[in-house]
Structures are given as C-alpha cells and as structure tokens.
Amino acid sequence: MSGYIMAGAGFVMILINAVSYLLGWDLKSPAFTILGLVLIVIGARTARISSWI
C-alpha cells in the first residue's frame, strides 16, 4: 500500500509542476520534478514487489 502512496505523491508533485509551468506560476523547480520521478519509480517498484507477496 505504501508503494501506491509514494507513486501517487510523485504524480501529484509532477502534476503541480506541470500546471505551474502551463499557467505561468513561479513554482517551477527541476528538483521538484526529479523528486516526483524518483517517488514514482520507487513507489511503483515497491507496489509491484508487494503484489507478489
């Protein structure tokens, strides 16, 4: 379950960054995007591993 939460949090972080870019807000941060991608990868991997158990 924690894998899905991590992946969801990463998706929300990337979504916020994309919306801020499209709407011209001042929230654009490469570190925010990278952290979101890392959370998605680790969360998806954790969810996949825990589904085998």
PDB file of N, CA and C in Angstrom:
ATOM      1  N   MET A   1       0.814  -1.196   0.000  1.00  0.00           N
ATOM      2  CA  MET A   1       0.000   0.000   0.000  1.00  0.00           C
ATOM      3  C   MET A   1       0.859   1.263   0.000  1.00  0.00           C
ATOM      4  N   SER A   2       1.994   1.224   0.686  1.00  0.00           N
ATOM      5  CA  SER A   2       2.840   2.415   0.745  1.00  0.00           C
ATOM      6  C   SER A   2       3.450   2.737  -0.612  1.00  0.00           C
ATOM      7  N   GLY A   3       3.615   1.735  -1.460  1.00  0.00           N
ATOM      8  CA  GLY A   3       4.129   1.979  -2.797  1.00  0.00           C
ATOM      9  C   GLY A   3       3.172   2.819  -3.623  1.00  0.00           C
ATOM     10  N   TYR A   4       1.878   2.540  -3.479  1.00  0.00           N
ATOM     11  CA  TYR A   4       0.875   3.319  -4.202  1.00  0.00           C
ATOM     12  C   TYR A   4       0.821   4.757  -3.693  1.00  0.00           C
ATOM     13  N   ILE A   5       1.021   4.928  -2.407  1.00  0.00           N
ATOM     14  CA  ILE A   5       1.016   6.281  -1.831  1.00  0.00           C
ATOM     15  C   ILE A   5       2.226   7.070  -2.327  1.00  0.00           C
ATOM     16  N   MET A   6       3.378   6.419  -2.369  1.00  0.00           N
ATOM     17  CA  MET A   6       4.582   7.094  -2.865  1.00  0.00           C
ATOM     18  C   MET A   6       4.428   7.467  -4.336  1.00  0.00           C
ATOM     19  N   ALA A   7       3.911   6.545  -5.135  1.00  0.00           N
ATOM     20  CA  ALA A   7       3.729   6.825  -6.558  1.00  0.00           C
ATOM     21  C   ALA A   7       2.696   7.931  -6.750  1.00  0.00           C
ATOM     22  N   GLY A   8       1.643   7.917  -5.948  1.00  0.00           N
ATOM     23  CA  GLY A   8       0.632   8.972  -6.037  1.00  0.00           C
ATOM     24  C   GLY A   8       1.191  10.331  -5.653  1.00  0.00           C
ATOM     25  N   ALA A   9       2.016  10.359  -4.616  1.00  0.00           N
ATOM     26  CA  ALA A   9       2.629  11.623  -4.200  1.00  0.00           C
ATOM     27  C   ALA A   9       3.570  12.145  -5.287  1.00  0.00           C
ATOM     28  N   GLY A  10       4.318  11.259  -5.913  1.00  0.00           N
ATOM     29  CA  GLY A  10       5.202  11.668  -7.001  1.00  0.00           C
ATOM     30  C   GLY A  10       4.421  12.202  -8.188  1.00  0.00           C
ATOM     31  N   PHE A  11       3.300  11.545  -8.501  1.00  0.00           N
ATOM     32  CA  PHE A  11       2.465  12.016  -9.607  1.00  0.00           C
ATOM     33  C   PHE A  11       1.901  13.397  -9.319  1.00  0.00           C
ATOM     34  N   VAL A  12       1.474  13.621  -8.077  1.00  0.00           N
ATOM     35  CA  VAL A  12       0.934  14.939  -7.704  1.00  0.00           C
ATOM     36  C   VAL A  12       2.018  16.003  -7.799  1.00  0.00           C
ATOM     37  N   MET A  13       3.237  15.673  -7.393  1.00  0.00           N
ATOM     38  CA  MET A  13       4.332  16.640  -7.482  1.00  0.00           C
ATOM     39  C   MET A  13       4.614  17.028  -8.930  1.00  0.00           C
ATOM     40  N   ILE A  14       4.635  16.040  -9.819  1.00  0.00           N
ATOM     41  CA  ILE A  14       4.867  16.336 -11.228  1.00  0.00           C
ATOM     42  C   ILE A  14       3.690  17.100 -11.813  1.00  0.00           C
ATOM     43  N   LEU A  15       2.482  16.755 -11.411  1.00  0.00           N
ATOM     44  CA  LEU A  15       1.291  17.458 -11.895  1.00  0.00           C
ATOM     45  C   LEU A  15       1.302  18.927 -11.474  1.00  0.00           C
ATOM     46  N   ILE A  16       1.661  19.193 -10.233  1.00  0.00           N
ATOM     47  CA  ILE A  16       1.743  20.582  -9.752  1.00  0.00           C
ATOM     48  C   ILE A  16       2.797  21.349 -10.540  1.00  0.00           C
ATOM     49  N   ASN A  17       3.932  20.716 -10.788  1.00  0.00           N
ATOM     50  CA  ASN A  17       4.990  21.375 -11.545  1.00  0.00           C
ATOM     51  C   ASN A  17       4.536  21.661 -12.980  1.00  0.00           C
ATOM     52  N   ALA A  18       3.837  20.726 -13.602  1.00  0.00           N
ATOM     53  CA  ALA A  18       3.364  20.921 -14.974  1.00  0.00           C
ATOM     54  C   ALA A  18       2.314  22.023 -15.044  1.00  0.00           C
ATOM     55  N   VAL A  19       1.380  22.038 -14.094  1.00  0.00           N
ATOM     56  CA  VAL A  19       0.338  23.067 -14.085  1.00  0.00           C
ATOM     57  C   VAL A  19       0.951  24.440 -13.834  1.00  0.00           C
ATOM     58  N   SER A  20       1.920  24.516 -12.936  1.00  0.00           N
ATOM     59  CA  SER A  20       2.554  25.807 -12.671  1.00  0.00           C
ATOM     60  C   SER A  20       3.310  26.306 -13.899  1.00  0.00           C
ATOM     61  N   TYR A  21       3.887  25.393 -14.668  1.00  0.00           N
ATOM     62  CA  TYR A  21       4.572  25.788 -15.899  1.00  0.00           C
ATOM     63  C   TYR A  21       3.569  26.308 -16.932  1.00  0.00           C
ATOM     64  N   LEU A  22       2.450  25.593 -17.085  1.00  0.00           N
ATOM     65  CA  LEU A  22       1.454  25.986 -18.079  1.00  0.00           C
ATOM     66  C   LEU A  22       0.746  27.289 -17.725  1.00  0.00           C
ATOM     67  N   LEU A  23       0.535  27.531 -16.444  1.00  0.00           N
ATOM     68  CA  LEU A  23      -0.190  28.732 -16.021  1.00  0.00           C
ATOM     69  C   LEU A  23       0.734  29.906 -15.712  1.00  0.00           C
ATOM     70  N   GLY A  24       2.043  29.705 -15.827  1.00  0.00           N
ATOM     71  CA  GLY A  24       2.989  30.791 -15.619  1.00  0.00           C
ATOM     72  C   GLY A  24       3.236  31.135 -14.158  1.00  0.00           C
ATOM     73  N   TRP A  25       2.948  30.212 -13.251  1.00  0.00           N
ATOM     74  CA  TRP A  25       3.219  30.461 -11.842  1.00  0.00           C
ATOM     75  C   TRP A  25       4.719  30.382 -11.597  1.00  0.00           C
ATOM     76  N   ASP A  26       5.145  30.770 -10.429  1.00  0.00           N
ATOM     77  CA  ASP A  26       6.569  30.776 -10.105  1.00  0.00           C
ATOM     78  C   ASP A  26       6.922  29.578  -9.213  1.00  0.00           C
ATOM     79  N   LEU A  27       6.428  28.404  -9.546  1.00  0.00           N
ATOM     80  CA  LEU A  27       6.709  27.202  -8.756  1.00  0.00           C
ATOM     81  C   LEU A  27       7.556  26.191  -9.520  1.00  0.00           C
ATOM     82  N   LYS A  28       8.156  26.607 -10.621  1.00  0.00           N
ATOM     83  CA  LYS A  28       8.923  25.682 -11.447  1.00  0.00           C
ATOM     84  C   LYS A  28      10.245  25.337 -10.757  1.00  0.00           C
ATOM     85  N   SER A  29      10.457  24.060 -10.537  1.00  0.00           N
ATOM     86  CA  SER A  29      11.680  23.625  -9.879  1.00  0.00           C
ATOM     87  C   SER A  29      12.117  22.275 -10.451  1.00  0.00           C
ATOM     88  N   PRO A  30      13.308  22.201 -11.019  1.00  0.00           N
ATOM     89  CA  PRO A  30      13.784  20.913 -11.535  1.00  0.00           C
ATOM     90  C   PRO A  30      13.919  19.859 -10.427  1.00  0.00           C
ATOM     91  N   ALA A  31      14.288  20.281  -9.242  1.00  0.00           N
ATOM     92  CA  ALA A  31      14.417  19.330  -8.138  1.00  0.00           C
ATOM     93  C   ALA A  31      13.063  18.727  -7.771  1.00  0.00           C
ATOM     94  N   PHE A  32      12.021  19.528  -7.853  1.00  0.00           N
ATOM     95  CA  PHE A  32      10.663  19.060  -7.577  1.00  0.00           C
ATOM     96  C   PHE A  32      10.265  17.970  -8.569  1.00  0.00           C
ATOM     97  N   THR A  33      10.605  18.180  -9.845  1.00  0.00           N
ATOM     98  CA  THR A  33      10.299  17.196 -10.885  1.00  0.00           C
ATOM     99  C   THR A  33      11.102  15.921 -10.685  1.00  0.00           C
ATOM    100  N   ILE A  34      12.370  16.067 -10.396  1.00  0.00           N
ATOM    101  CA  ILE A  34      13.222  14.894 -10.193  1.00  0.00           C
ATOM    102  C   ILE A  34      12.757  14.089  -8.988  1.00  0.00           C
ATOM    103  N   LEU A  35      12.415  14.775  -7.899  1.00  0.00           N
ATOM    104  CA  LEU A  35      11.916  14.075  -6.719  1.00  0.00           C
ATOM    105  C   LEU A  35      10.606  13.356  -7.027  1.00  0.00           C
ATOM    106  N   GLY A  36       9.738  13.975  -7.804  1.00  0.00           N
ATOM    107  CA  GLY A  36       8.491  13.329  -8.202  1.00  0.00           C
ATOM    108  C   GLY A  36       8.740  12.073  -9.010  1.00  0.00           C
ATOM    109  N   LEU A  37       9.678  12.152  -9.958  1.00  0.00           N
ATOM    110  CA  LEU A  37      10.003  10.972 -10.760  1.00  0.00           C
ATOM    111  C   LEU A  37      10.589   9.854  -9.908  1.00  0.00           C
ATOM    112  N   VAL A  38      11.458  10.219  -8.977  1.00  0.00           N
ATOM    113  CA  VAL A  38      12.059   9.211  -8.093  1.00  0.00           C
ATOM    114  C   VAL A  38      10.985   8.541  -7.237  1.00  0.00           C
ATOM    115  N   LEU A  39      10.054   9.333  -6.708  1.00  0.00           N
ATOM    116  CA  LEU A  39       8.979   8.749  -5.905  1.00  0.00           C
ATOM    117  C   LEU A  39       8.103   7.822  -6.729  1.00  0.00           C
ATOM    118  N   ILE A  40       7.835   8.187  -7.982  1.00  0.00           N
ATOM    119  CA  ILE A  40       7.029   7.315  -8.835  1.00  0.00           C
ATOM    120  C   ILE A  40       7.742   5.998  -9.095  1.00  0.00           C
ATOM    121  N   VAL A  41       9.023   6.066  -9.415  1.00  0.00           N
ATOM    122  CA  VAL A  41       9.781   4.842  -9.721  1.00  0.00           C
ATOM    123  C   VAL A  41       9.870   3.939  -8.493  1.00  0.00           C
ATOM    124  N   ILE A  42      10.245   4.504  -7.358  1.00  0.00           N
ATOM    125  CA  ILE A  42      10.383   3.692  -6.140  1.00  0.00           C
ATOM    126  C   ILE A  42       9.021   3.166  -5.682  1.00  0.00           C
ATOM    127  N   GLY A  43       7.999   4.020  -5.770  1.00  0.00           N
ATOM    128  CA  GLY A  43       6.662   3.584  -5.356  1.00  0.00           C
ATOM    129  C   GLY A  43       6.119   2.483  -6.241  1.00  0.00           C
ATOM    130  N   ALA A  44       6.311   2.603  -7.553  1.00  0.00           N
ATOM    131  CA  ALA A  44       5.835   1.564  -8.469  1.00  0.00           C
ATOM    132  C   ALA A  44       6.591   0.259  -8.244  1.00  0.00           C
ATOM    133  N   ARG A  45       7.888   0.384  -7.982  1.00  0.00           N
ATOM    134  CA  ARG A  45       8.685  -0.823  -7.720  1.00  0.00           C
ATOM    135  C   ARG A  45       8.240  -1.491  -6.423  1.00  0.00           C
ATOM    136  N   THR A  46       8.000  -0.702  -5.392  1.00  0.00           N
ATOM    137  CA  THR A  46       7.548  -1.245  -4.113  1.00  0.00           C
ATOM    138  C   THR A  46       6.168  -1.889  -4.248  1.00  0.00           C
ATOM    139  N   ALA A  47       5.282  -1.246  -4.990  1.00  0.00           N
ATOM    140  CA  ALA A  47       3.943  -1.801  -5.178  1.00  0.00           C
ATOM    141  C   ALA A  47       3.997  -3.105  -5.957  1.00  0.00           C
ATOM    142  N   ARG A  48       4.882  -3.174  -6.945  1.00  0.00           N
ATOM    143  CA  ARG A  48       4.992  -4.386  -7.738  1.00  0.00           C
ATOM    144  C   ARG A  48       5.564  -5.534  -6.907  1.00  0.00           C
ATOM    145  N   ILE A  49       6.571  -5.240  -6.101  1.00  0.00           N
ATOM    146  CA  ILE A  49       7.176  -6.270  -5.260  1.00  0.00           C
ATOM    147  C   ILE A  49       6.182  -6.765  -4.221  1.00  0.00           C
ATOM    148  N   SER A  50       5.422  -5.833  -3.611  1.00  0.00           N
ATOM    149  CA  SER A  50       4.483  -6.253  -2.569  1.00  0.00           C
ATOM    150  C   SER A  50       3.288  -6.992  -3.137  1.00  0.00           C
ATOM    151  N   SER A  51       3.008  -6.847  -4.428  1.00  0.00           N
ATOM    152  CA  SER A  51       1.876  -7.576  -5.020  1.00  0.00           C
ATOM    153  C   SER A  51       2.216  -9.044  -5.213  1.00  0.00           C
ATOM    154  N   TRP A  52       3.495  -9.394  -5.213  1.00  0.00           N
ATOM    155  CA  TRP A  52       3.903 -10.796  -5.342  1.00  0.00           C
ATOM    156  C   TRP A  52       3.738 -11.553  -4.038  1.00  0.00           C
ATOM    157  N   ILE A  53       3.692 -10.830  -2.932  1.00  0.00           N
ATOM    158  CA  ILE A  53       3.629 -11.490  -1.617  1.00  0.00           C
ATOM    159  C   ILE A  53       2.207 -11.885  -1.312  1.00  0.00           C
TER     160      ILE A  53
END
